C-alpha atoms as a PDB file:
ATOM      1  CA  MET A   1       0.200   0.207  -0.136  1.00  0.00           C
ATOM      2  CA  GLU A   2       1.151   3.370  -0.730  1.00  0.00           C
ATOM      3  CA  GLN A   3       1.495   6.394   0.873  1.00  0.00           C
ATOM      4  CA  GLN A   4      -0.673   9.384  -0.762  1.00  0.00           C
ATOM      5  CA  SER A   5       0.809  12.188   0.861  1.00  0.00           C
ATOM      6  CA  ASN A   6       3.288  13.576   3.700  1.00  0.00           C
ATOM      7  CA  LEU A   7       0.301  13.998   6.725  1.00  0.00           C
ATOM      8  CA  PRO A   8       0.381  11.863   9.966  1.00  0.00           C
ATOM      9  CA  ILE A   9      -1.797   9.013   9.873  1.00  0.00           C
ATOM     10  CA  LYS A  10      -3.473   7.704  12.615  1.00  0.00           C
ATOM     11  CA  ILE A  11      -2.288   3.578  12.878  1.00  0.00           C
ATOM     12  CA  THR A  12      -5.336   1.017  14.775  1.00  0.00           C
ATOM     13  CA  GLU A  13      -6.522   1.191  18.418  1.00  0.00           C
ATOM     14  CA  GLN A  14      -5.005  -2.783  18.100  1.00  0.00           C
ATOM     15  CA  GLU A  15      -2.022  -1.263  16.904  1.00  0.00           C
ATOM     16  CA  LEU A  16      -1.205   1.290  18.551  1.00  0.00           C
ATOM     17  CA  ALA A  17      -2.123  -1.869  21.913  1.00  0.00           C
ATOM     18  CA  ASN A  18       0.284  -3.344  20.064  1.00  0.00           C
ATOM     19  CA  VAL A  19       3.159  -0.607  19.478  1.00  0.00           C
ATOM     20  CA  THR A  20       1.991  -0.079  23.799  1.00  0.00           C
ATOM     21  CA  SER A  21       2.376  -3.957  24.633  1.00  0.00           C
ATOM     22  CA  ILE A  22       6.008  -4.304  23.212  1.00  0.00           C
ATOM     23  CA  ARG A  23       7.290  -0.897  25.005  1.00  0.00           C
ATOM     24  CA  ASP A  24       5.981  -2.783  28.444  1.00  0.00           C
ATOM     25  CA  MET A  25       7.626  -5.204  28.004  1.00  0.00           C
ATOM     26  CA  TYR A  26      11.166  -3.858  27.132  1.00  0.00           C
ATOM     27  CA  THR A  27      10.145  -2.440  30.624  1.00  0.00           C
ATOM     28  CA  GLU A  28       9.738  -5.626  32.346  1.00  0.00           C
ATOM     29  CA  ALA A  29      12.558  -6.981  30.627  1.00  0.00           C
ATOM     30  CA  GLN A  30      14.756  -3.280  31.523  1.00  0.00           C
ATOM     31  CA  LEU A  31      13.489  -4.151  34.754  1.00  0.00           C
ATOM     32  CA  ALA A  32      14.256  -7.638  35.610  1.00  0.00           C
ATOM     33  CA  PHE A  33      17.686  -7.383  34.004  1.00  0.00           C
ATOM     34  CA  GLY A  34      18.232  -4.509  37.277  1.00  0.00           C
ATOM     35  CA  GLN A  35      16.936  -6.824  39.350  1.00  0.00           C
ATOM     36  CA  PHE A  36      19.363 -10.102  37.856  1.00  0.00           C
ATOM     37  CA  TYR A  37      22.197  -7.584  38.406  1.00  0.00           C
ATOM     38  CA  LEU A  38      21.824  -6.603  41.458  1.00  0.00           C
ATOM     39  CA  ALA A  39      20.200  -9.743  42.727  1.00  0.00           C
ATOM     40  CA  LYS A  40      24.524 -11.015  40.915  1.00  0.00           C
ATOM     41  CA  ARG A  41      26.463  -8.379  42.526  1.00  0.00           C
ATOM     42  CA  GLN A  42      25.014  -9.391  46.316  1.00  0.00           C
ATOM     43  CA  LEU A  43      25.330 -13.611  46.053  1.00  0.00           C
ATOM     44  CA  GLU A  44      29.098 -12.403  44.514  1.00  0.00           C
ATOM     45  CA  LEU A  45      29.891 -10.258  47.523  1.00  0.00           C
ATOM     46  CA  ASN A  46      28.489 -13.170  49.649  1.00  0.00           C
ATOM     47  CA  GLU A  47      30.380 -15.306  48.045  1.00  0.00           C
ATOM     48  CA  LYS A  48      33.156 -13.194  48.545  1.00  0.00           C
ATOM     49  CA  ALA A  49      32.020 -13.018  52.351  1.00  0.00           C
ATOM     50  CA  LEU A  50      32.024 -16.992  52.628  1.00  0.00           C
ATOM     51  CA  ASN A  51      35.642 -17.122  50.784  1.00  0.00           C
ATOM     52  CA  ASP A  52      37.476 -14.968  53.625  1.00  0.00           C
ATOM     53  CA  ALA A  53      35.920 -16.289  56.403  1.00  0.00           C
ATOM     54  CA  TYR A  54      37.034 -20.148  54.738  1.00  0.00           C
ATOM     55  CA  VAL A  55      40.496 -18.423  54.665  1.00  0.00           C
ATOM     56  CA  LYS A  56      40.172 -17.164  57.487  1.00  0.00           C
ATOM     57  CA  LEU A  57      38.936 -20.408  59.046  1.00  0.00           C
ATOM     58  CA  GLN A  58      42.259 -22.165  57.508  1.00  0.00           C
ATOM     59  CA  GLU A  59      44.389 -19.848  58.847  1.00  0.00           C
ATOM     60  CA  ASP A  60      43.417 -20.169  62.163  1.00  0.00           C
ATOM     61  CA  GLU A  61      43.805 -23.817  62.001  1.00  0.00           C
ATOM     62  CA  GLN A  62      46.962 -24.290  61.158  1.00  0.00           C
ATOM     63  CA  LYS A  63      47.900 -21.928  64.781  1.00  0.00           C
ATOM     64  CA  LEU A  64      46.089 -23.261  66.191  1.00  0.00           C
ATOM     65  CA  LEU A  65      48.193 -27.345  64.914  1.00  0.00           C
ATOM     66  CA  VAL A  66      51.153 -25.343  65.248  1.00  0.00           C
ATOM     67  CA  THR A  67      50.326 -24.145  69.961  1.00  0.00           C
ATOM     68  CA  PHE A  68      49.487 -28.150  69.384  1.00  0.00           C
ATOM     69  CA  VAL A  69      52.301 -29.369  67.932  1.00  0.00           C
ATOM     70  CA  ASP A  70      55.061 -26.443  69.943  1.00  0.00           C
ATOM     71  CA  LYS A  71      52.881 -27.992  73.307  1.00  0.00           C
ATOM     72  CA  TYR A  72      52.573 -31.617  73.624  1.00  0.00           C
ATOM     73  CA  GLY A  73      55.133 -32.450  69.814  1.00  0.00           C
ATOM     74  CA  GLU A  74      53.065 -34.431  66.968  1.00  0.00           C
ATOM     75  CA  GLY A  75      50.577 -36.677  67.459  1.00  0.00           C
ATOM     76  CA  ASN A  76      46.989 -36.730  66.918  1.00  0.00           C
ATOM     77  CA  LEU A  77      44.227 -35.484  68.554  1.00  0.00           C
ATOM     78  CA  ASP A  78      40.550 -36.982  69.231  1.00  0.00           C
ATOM     79  CA  PRO A  79      38.447 -33.733  69.772  1.00  0.00           C
ATOM     80  CA  LYS A  80      35.635 -35.792  70.991  1.00  0.00           C
ATOM     81  CA  THR A  81      37.731 -36.928  73.998  1.00  0.00           C
ATOM     82  CA  GLY A  82      40.162 -34.373  73.988  1.00  0.00           C
ATOM     83  CA  THR A  83      43.141 -36.703  74.451  1.00  0.00           C
ATOM     84  CA  PHE A  84      46.210 -35.989  72.500  1.00  0.00           C
ATOM     85  CA  THR A  85      48.518 -39.807  71.570  1.00  0.00           C
ATOM     86  CA  PRO A  86      52.321 -38.465  70.888  1.00  0.00           C
ATOM     87  CA  ASN A  87      53.828 -40.535  68.255  1.00  0.00           C
ATOM     88  CA  LYS A  88      56.558 -42.846  68.160  1.00  0.00           C
END
């Protein structure tokens, strides 16, 4: 269909509804991407905090082991009974 002139043409209500629907879906998609990004960022921060805490735990464990070796020598500790058995 050829346009006869450069005069503005009013689109149908259904066409306008389709355009509005698409525009609204883009807005919802952008909002969802934003929410996803923020959730992902929070998960990354949580992961870093957990990793840092785990590394600290490992460091604390090593310090405790050094303390036990210095005090009791090499051996095995039963954490349930608190009994330390020196190596021969």
